[in-house]
Amino acid sequence: MTTSANSVIAAIDARRPGLKLAKKYSLLFFVQGHHIAHFGSPLFDEPITATDRGVSVPDADGSPAEQPDSEGPLNTIGYVIERYGALSPADLRTLIQSSQPWQAATKPGGGGRIDPDILRDWFRRDDETNDPDDERPNQAERAQAEGLWKAHKAQQAS
């Protein structure tokens, strides 16, 4: 189930009031990327567009909206604000413009639109998922948990 980008902006505003819309767009990029990587589907349907200043979400203007009401989206939003919220707009822009999704969108013929599949793959890459400062399970921990789960299921079946 998706929500609107304006709903995500409302949740960002509730946690970090006073941010300019351009910084909120940058945070939307990270929210969408982490959400797709973790849950396998976009949090919001509005397209993210690569610009010379980072990214934009032309269909989201920050109009008043209800915040998402489920735990998954709110956890993703909180995580992104904790991880990226203190970065300057220039730092966020540097991170975005060095990413594969932004670079693919700005190539000739890229159309300017951030591809959700490329965004998902970028946020699932080893450099992202094996960050020692990140509290999420890394690739090895996920593989170990999957092995334990398979062994448990096999034992249950026998």
C-alpha atoms as a PDB file:
ATOM      1  CA  MET A   1       0.000   0.000   0.000  1.00  0.00           C
ATOM      2  CA  THR A   2       1.420   3.366  -0.951  1.00  0.00           C
ATOM      3  CA  THR A   3       0.887   6.772   0.510  1.00  0.00           C
ATOM      4  CA  SER A   4       1.449  10.173  -1.080  1.00  0.00           C
ATOM      5  CA  ALA A   5       4.710  12.086  -1.144  1.00  0.00           C
ATOM      6  CA  ASN A   6       2.870  14.937   0.629  1.00  0.00           C
ATOM      7  CA  SER A   7       2.016  12.497   3.456  1.00  0.00           C
ATOM      8  CA  VAL A   8       5.691  11.625   3.781  1.00  0.00           C
ATOM      9  CA  ILE A   9       6.548  15.344   3.798  1.00  0.00           C
ATOM     10  CA  ALA A  10       3.981  15.797   6.609  1.00  0.00           C
ATOM     11  CA  ALA A  11       5.782  13.100   8.626  1.00  0.00           C
ATOM     12  CA  ILE A  12       9.140  14.760   7.928  1.00  0.00           C
ATOM     13  CA  ASP A  13       7.698  18.131   9.029  1.00  0.00           C
ATOM     14  CA  ALA A  14       6.428  16.583  12.269  1.00  0.00           C
ATOM     15  CA  ARG A  15       9.919  15.320  13.095  1.00  0.00           C
ATOM     16  CA  ARG A  16      12.048  18.138  11.626  1.00  0.00           C
ATOM     17  CA  PRO A  17       9.937  21.312  11.286  1.00  0.00           C
ATOM     18  CA  GLY A  18      11.231  24.243   9.286  1.00  0.00           C
ATOM     19  CA  LEU A  19      13.097  22.424   6.526  1.00  0.00           C
ATOM     20  CA  LYS A  20      12.991  23.939   3.060  1.00  0.00           C
ATOM     21  CA  LEU A  21      11.118  22.032   0.368  1.00  0.00           C
ATOM     22  CA  ALA A  22      14.347  21.250  -1.541  1.00  0.00           C
ATOM     23  CA  LYS A  23      15.789  19.443   1.499  1.00  0.00           C
ATOM     24  CA  LYS A  24      12.508  17.586   1.950  1.00  0.00           C
ATOM     25  CA  TYR A  25      12.776  16.412  -1.666  1.00  0.00           C
ATOM     26  CA  SER A  26      16.268  15.101  -0.926  1.00  0.00           C
ATOM     27  CA  LEU A  27      14.962  13.262   2.113  1.00  0.00           C
ATOM     28  CA  LEU A  28      12.126  11.834  -0.030  1.00  0.00           C
ATOM     29  CA  PHE A  29      14.798  10.304  -2.287  1.00  0.00           C
ATOM     30  CA  PHE A  30      16.345   8.509   0.698  1.00  0.00           C
ATOM     31  CA  VAL A  31      12.971   7.537   2.207  1.00  0.00           C
ATOM     32  CA  GLN A  32      11.834   6.041  -1.091  1.00  0.00           C
ATOM     33  CA  GLY A  33      15.155   4.254  -1.618  1.00  0.00           C
ATOM     34  CA  HIS A  34      15.291   2.700   1.839  1.00  0.00           C
ATOM     35  CA  HIS A  35      11.604   1.787   1.747  1.00  0.00           C
ATOM     36  CA  ILE A  36      11.838   0.065  -1.639  1.00  0.00           C
ATOM     37  CA  ALA A  37      15.021  -1.750  -0.587  1.00  0.00           C
ATOM     38  CA  HIS A  38      13.500  -3.021   2.633  1.00  0.00           C
ATOM     39  CA  PHE A  39       9.854  -3.614   1.717  1.00  0.00           C
ATOM     40  CA  GLY A  40      10.154  -4.249  -2.040  1.00  0.00           C
ATOM     41  CA  SER A  41       7.624  -1.618  -3.073  1.00  0.00           C
ATOM     42  CA  PRO A  42       7.564   2.173  -3.272  1.00  0.00           C
ATOM     43  CA  LEU A  43       6.258   4.161  -0.328  1.00  0.00           C
ATOM     44  CA  PHE A  44       4.728   6.788  -2.613  1.00  0.00           C
ATOM     45  CA  ASP A  45       3.746   6.766  -6.285  1.00  0.00           C
ATOM     46  CA  GLU A  46       4.866  10.245  -7.351  1.00  0.00           C
ATOM     47  CA  PRO A  47       7.971  10.154  -9.549  1.00  0.00           C
ATOM     48  CA  ILE A  48      11.286  11.534  -8.333  1.00  0.00           C
ATOM     49  CA  THR A  49      13.064  13.618 -10.960  1.00  0.00           C
ATOM     50  CA  ALA A  50      16.812  14.201 -11.173  1.00  0.00           C
ATOM     51  CA  THR A  51      17.714  17.879 -11.403  1.00  0.00           C
ATOM     52  CA  ASP A  52      20.949  19.853 -11.498  1.00  0.00           C
ATOM     53  CA  ARG A  53      20.277  20.704  -7.818  1.00  0.00           C
ATOM     54  CA  GLY A  54      19.669  17.080  -6.751  1.00  0.00           C
ATOM     55  CA  VAL A  55      16.122  15.796  -7.009  1.00  0.00           C
ATOM     56  CA  SER A  56      12.591  17.084  -7.171  1.00  0.00           C
ATOM     57  CA  VAL A  57       9.164  15.562  -6.722  1.00  0.00           C
ATOM     58  CA  PRO A  58       7.099  17.830  -8.965  1.00  0.00           C
ATOM     59  CA  ASP A  59       3.774  16.329  -7.874  1.00  0.00           C
ATOM     60  CA  ALA A  60       4.503  17.041  -4.192  1.00  0.00           C
ATOM     61  CA  ASP A  61       4.296  20.623  -3.066  1.00  0.00           C
ATOM     62  CA  GLY A  62       4.207  20.119   0.689  1.00  0.00           C
ATOM     63  CA  SER A  63       0.461  20.767   0.920  1.00  0.00           C
ATOM     64  CA  PRO A  64      -1.104  19.671   4.180  1.00  0.00           C
ATOM     65  CA  ALA A  65      -1.680  15.927   4.292  1.00  0.00           C
ATOM     66  CA  GLU A  66      -2.149  13.184   6.848  1.00  0.00           C
ATOM     67  CA  GLN A  67       1.004  11.354   7.880  1.00  0.00           C
ATOM     68  CA  PRO A  68       1.244   7.664   7.026  1.00  0.00           C
ATOM     69  CA  ASP A  69      -0.471   5.654   9.745  1.00  0.00           C
ATOM     70  CA  SER A  70       1.393   2.364   9.606  1.00  0.00           C
ATOM     71  CA  GLU A  71       4.561   1.381  11.405  1.00  0.00           C
ATOM     72  CA  GLY A  72       6.725   0.423   8.392  1.00  0.00           C
ATOM     73  CA  PRO A  73       6.578   3.795   6.623  1.00  0.00           C
ATOM     74  CA  LEU A  74       6.962   5.739   9.860  1.00  0.00           C
ATOM     75  CA  ASN A  75       9.998   3.652  10.835  1.00  0.00           C
ATOM     76  CA  THR A  76      11.580   4.264   7.425  1.00  0.00           C
ATOM     77  CA  ILE A  77      10.924   7.999   7.673  1.00  0.00           C
ATOM     78  CA  GLY A  78      12.336   8.134  11.212  1.00  0.00           C
ATOM     79  CA  TYR A  79      15.418   6.167  10.155  1.00  0.00           C
ATOM     80  CA  VAL A  80      16.089   8.498   7.209  1.00  0.00           C
ATOM     81  CA  ILE A  81      15.679  11.608   9.335  1.00  0.00           C
ATOM     82  CA  GLU A  82      18.039  10.185  11.942  1.00  0.00           C
ATOM     83  CA  ARG A  83      20.633   9.154   9.359  1.00  0.00           C
ATOM     84  CA  TYR A  84      20.447  12.046   6.875  1.00  0.00           C
ATOM     85  CA  GLY A  85      18.468  14.854   8.535  1.00  0.00           C
ATOM     86  CA  ALA A  86      21.469  16.692   9.986  1.00  0.00           C
ATOM     87  CA  LEU A  87      23.338  16.752   6.664  1.00  0.00           C
ATOM     88  CA  SER A  88      23.468  20.026   4.794  1.00  0.00           C
ATOM     89  CA  PRO A  89      21.599  20.387   1.510  1.00  0.00           C
ATOM     90  CA  ALA A  90      24.991  20.397  -0.266  1.00  0.00           C
ATOM     91  CA  ASP A  91      25.983  17.114   1.408  1.00  0.00           C
ATOM     92  CA  LEU A  92      22.653  15.514   0.504  1.00  0.00           C
ATOM     93  CA  ARG A  93      23.028  16.729  -3.075  1.00  0.00           C
ATOM     94  CA  THR A  94      26.529  15.217  -3.248  1.00  0.00           C
ATOM     95  CA  LEU A  95      25.248  11.850  -2.004  1.00  0.00           C
ATOM     96  CA  ILE A  96      22.340  11.901  -4.439  1.00  0.00           C
ATOM     97  CA  GLN A  97      24.389  12.980  -7.450  1.00  0.00           C
ATOM     98  CA  SER A  98      26.991  10.296  -6.783  1.00  0.00           C
ATOM     99  CA  SER A  99      24.288   7.614  -6.781  1.00  0.00           C
ATOM    100  CA  GLN A 100      23.584   5.298  -9.688  1.00  0.00           C
ATOM    101  CA  PRO A 101      19.856   6.191  -9.791  1.00  0.00           C
ATOM    102  CA  TRP A 102      20.573   9.913 -10.251  1.00  0.00           C
ATOM    103  CA  GLN A 103      23.352   9.289 -12.777  1.00  0.00           C
ATOM    104  CA  ALA A 104      21.161   6.945 -14.843  1.00  0.00           C
ATOM    105  CA  ALA A 105      18.339   9.492 -14.876  1.00  0.00           C
ATOM    106  CA  THR A 106      20.635  12.290 -16.071  1.00  0.00           C
ATOM    107  CA  LYS A 107      22.312  10.349 -18.889  1.00  0.00           C
ATOM    108  CA  PRO A 108      21.220  11.261 -22.406  1.00  0.00           C
ATOM    109  CA  GLY A 109      17.987   9.385 -22.952  1.00  0.00           C
ATOM    110  CA  GLY A 110      17.544   8.867 -19.199  1.00  0.00           C
ATOM    111  CA  GLY A 111      14.435  11.017 -19.165  1.00  0.00           C
ATOM    112  CA  GLY A 112      15.276  12.662 -15.865  1.00  0.00           C
ATOM    113  CA  ARG A 113      13.059  10.311 -13.883  1.00  0.00           C
ATOM    114  CA  ILE A 114      14.619   8.205 -11.102  1.00  0.00           C
ATOM    115  CA  ASP A 115      13.887   4.571 -11.932  1.00  0.00           C
ATOM    116  CA  PRO A 116      12.447   2.785  -8.857  1.00  0.00           C
ATOM    117  CA  ASP A 117      14.201  -0.485  -9.778  1.00  0.00           C
ATOM    118  CA  ILE A 118      17.599   1.218  -9.984  1.00  0.00           C
ATOM    119  CA  LEU A 119      16.806   3.019  -6.715  1.00  0.00           C
ATOM    120  CA  ARG A 120      15.969  -0.305  -5.034  1.00  0.00           C
ATOM    121  CA  ASP A 121      19.165  -1.931  -6.295  1.00  0.00           C
ATOM    122  CA  TRP A 122      21.267   1.049  -5.177  1.00  0.00           C
ATOM    123  CA  PHE A 123      19.922   0.889  -1.633  1.00  0.00           C
ATOM    124  CA  ARG A 124      20.385  -2.907  -1.503  1.00  0.00           C
ATOM    125  CA  ARG A 125      24.049  -2.849  -2.560  1.00  0.00           C
ATOM    126  CA  ASP A 126      26.696  -4.184  -0.187  1.00  0.00           C
ATOM    127  CA  ASP A 127      28.126  -0.728   0.584  1.00  0.00           C
ATOM    128  CA  GLU A 128      24.708   0.303   1.875  1.00  0.00           C
ATOM    129  CA  THR A 129      23.646  -2.861   3.662  1.00  0.00           C
ATOM    130  CA  ASN A 130      26.980  -3.699   5.300  1.00  0.00           C
ATOM    131  CA  ASP A 131      27.548  -0.312   6.928  1.00  0.00           C
ATOM    132  CA  PRO A 132      29.037  -1.030  10.395  1.00  0.00           C
ATOM    133  CA  ASP A 133      27.351   2.082  11.818  1.00  0.00           C
ATOM    134  CA  ASP A 134      23.949   0.913  10.635  1.00  0.00           C
ATOM    135  CA  GLU A 135      21.887  -1.067  13.136  1.00  0.00           C
ATOM    136  CA  ARG A 136      20.043  -3.032  10.445  1.00  0.00           C
ATOM    137  CA  PRO A 137      21.193  -6.630   9.913  1.00  0.00           C
ATOM    138  CA  ASN A 138      23.992  -6.830   7.382  1.00  0.00           C
ATOM    139  CA  GLN A 139      24.202  -9.315   4.536  1.00  0.00           C
ATOM    140  CA  ALA A 140      25.949 -12.011   6.595  1.00  0.00           C
ATOM    141  CA  GLU A 141      23.484 -11.651   9.474  1.00  0.00           C
ATOM    142  CA  ARG A 142      20.530 -11.903   7.084  1.00  0.00           C
ATOM    143  CA  ALA A 143      22.017 -15.034   5.473  1.00  0.00           C
ATOM    144  CA  GLN A 144      22.539 -16.588   8.908  1.00  0.00           C
ATOM    145  CA  ALA A 145      18.957 -15.816   9.950  1.00  0.00           C
ATOM    146  CA  GLU A 146      17.607 -17.252   6.687  1.00  0.00           C
ATOM    147  CA  GLY A 147      19.643 -20.441   7.262  1.00  0.00           C
ATOM    148  CA  LEU A 148      18.282 -20.802  10.786  1.00  0.00           C
ATOM    149  CA  TRP A 149      14.739 -20.206   9.536  1.00  0.00           C
ATOM    150  CA  LYS A 150      15.122 -22.844   6.787  1.00  0.00           C
ATOM    151  CA  ALA A 151      16.495 -25.349   9.295  1.00  0.00           C
ATOM    152  CA  HIS A 152      13.600 -24.614  11.640  1.00  0.00           C
ATOM    153  CA  LYS A 153      11.059 -25.071   8.831  1.00  0.00           C
ATOM    154  CA  ALA A 154      12.726 -28.329   7.726  1.00  0.00           C
ATOM    155  CA  GLN A 155      12.622 -29.632  11.312  1.00  0.00           C
ATOM    156  CA  GLN A 156       8.948 -28.666  11.563  1.00  0.00           C
ATOM    157  CA  ALA A 157       8.166 -30.506   8.320  1.00  0.00           C
ATOM    158  CA  SER A 158       9.783 -33.763   9.467  1.00  0.00           C
END
